[in-house]
Amino acid sequence: MGLTCSYLMKRYRSFFEWLTGVTWQDAGKVELVDGSSYLAQPLPFSISTLIRIKVLVTGYIEFQHNAELYSETFVPINVV
């Protein structure tokens, strides 16, 4: 299983490097230098704002998950 997943990840990485022209080592630098974008459209807020949003949303979901007595019944977006 691990060997198969590793092989698939290498294939995906190679495909996206070919598609974007950016190596996986430089992907973070591109976001910091060129700014945040999604589907080639610039986002109207900075990286620090994205981090704050992610921390708040993830924290809320984790809080809700841990507040449940039977956590296996927790479904944050009601999709089962």
Protein backbone atom coordinates (compact mmCIF):
# COMPACT_ATOMS: atom_id res chain seq x y z
CA MET A 1 0.00 0.00 0.00
CA GLY A 2 2.72 2.48 0.96
CA LEU A 3 4.71 1.82 -2.18
CA THR A 4 1.66 2.36 -4.36
CA CYS A 5 0.77 5.64 -2.63
CA SER A 6 4.34 6.88 -2.93
CA TYR A 7 4.37 6.03 -6.63
CA LEU A 8 1.06 7.83 -7.20
CA MET A 9 2.22 10.92 -5.33
CA LYS A 10 5.34 11.08 -7.51
CA ARG A 11 3.17 10.83 -10.62
CA TYR A 12 0.85 13.61 -9.43
CA ARG A 13 3.80 15.78 -8.47
CA SER A 14 5.39 15.29 -11.88
CA PHE A 15 2.13 16.09 -13.65
CA PHE A 16 1.55 19.32 -11.73
CA GLU A 17 5.17 20.39 -12.13
CA TRP A 18 4.71 19.92 -15.87
CA LEU A 19 1.35 21.71 -15.84
CA THR A 20 2.41 24.77 -13.83
CA GLY A 21 6.15 24.89 -14.41
CA VAL A 22 6.71 25.20 -10.65
CA THR A 23 8.56 22.53 -8.68
CA TRP A 24 7.07 21.38 -5.40
CA GLN A 25 10.04 22.88 -3.54
CA ASP A 26 9.23 26.34 -4.92
CA ALA A 27 5.43 26.22 -4.58
CA GLY A 28 5.40 28.16 -1.30
CA LYS A 29 7.72 30.82 -2.68
CA VAL A 30 5.37 31.43 -5.59
CA GLU A 31 2.49 32.13 -3.21
CA LEU A 32 4.59 34.53 -1.14
CA VAL A 33 6.05 36.42 -4.10
CA ASP A 34 3.12 36.50 -6.53
CA GLY A 35 0.35 36.61 -3.94
CA SER A 36 -2.46 34.17 -3.28
CA SER A 37 -4.52 32.93 -6.19
CA TYR A 38 -7.17 30.32 -6.86
CA LEU A 39 -7.81 29.00 -10.37
CA ALA A 40 -5.53 31.74 -11.76
CA GLN A 41 -7.64 34.47 -10.09
CA PRO A 42 -6.00 36.64 -7.41
CA LEU A 43 -7.55 36.44 -3.96
CA PRO A 44 -8.55 39.75 -2.33
CA PHE A 45 -6.71 39.05 0.93
CA SER A 46 -3.19 38.32 2.13
CA ILE A 47 -1.52 35.11 3.26
CA SER A 48 -1.82 36.15 6.92
CA THR A 49 -5.59 36.59 6.48
CA LEU A 50 -5.82 33.13 4.89
CA ILE A 51 -3.95 31.66 7.86
CA ARG A 52 -6.30 33.37 10.32
CA ILE A 53 -9.36 32.09 8.45
CA LYS A 54 -7.99 28.55 8.39
CA VAL A 55 -7.12 28.61 12.11
CA LEU A 56 -10.58 29.89 13.06
CA VAL A 57 -12.50 27.45 10.86
CA THR A 58 -10.36 24.47 11.87
CA GLY A 59 -10.57 25.45 15.54
CA TYR A 60 -14.36 25.73 15.35
CA ILE A 61 -14.71 22.33 13.68
CA GLU A 62 -12.37 20.69 16.21
CA PHE A 63 -14.25 22.31 19.08
CA GLN A 64 -17.57 21.03 17.73
CA HIS A 65 -16.10 17.57 17.19
CA ASN A 66 -14.72 17.36 20.73
CA ALA A 67 -17.97 18.68 22.23
CA GLU A 68 -19.87 15.61 20.94
CA LEU A 69 -20.21 12.73 23.36
CA TYR A 70 -20.24 10.19 20.54
CA SER A 71 -17.74 11.63 18.09
CA GLU A 72 -18.42 9.04 15.37
CA THR A 73 -21.81 10.71 14.83
CA PHE A 74 -20.18 14.09 14.17
CA VAL A 75 -20.58 15.20 10.55
CA PRO A 76 -19.74 18.92 10.13
CA ILE A 77 -21.55 19.48 6.82
CA ASN A 78 -24.28 16.82 7.19
CA VAL A 79 -23.05 14.68 4.30
CA VAL A 80 -23.22 10.94 4.91
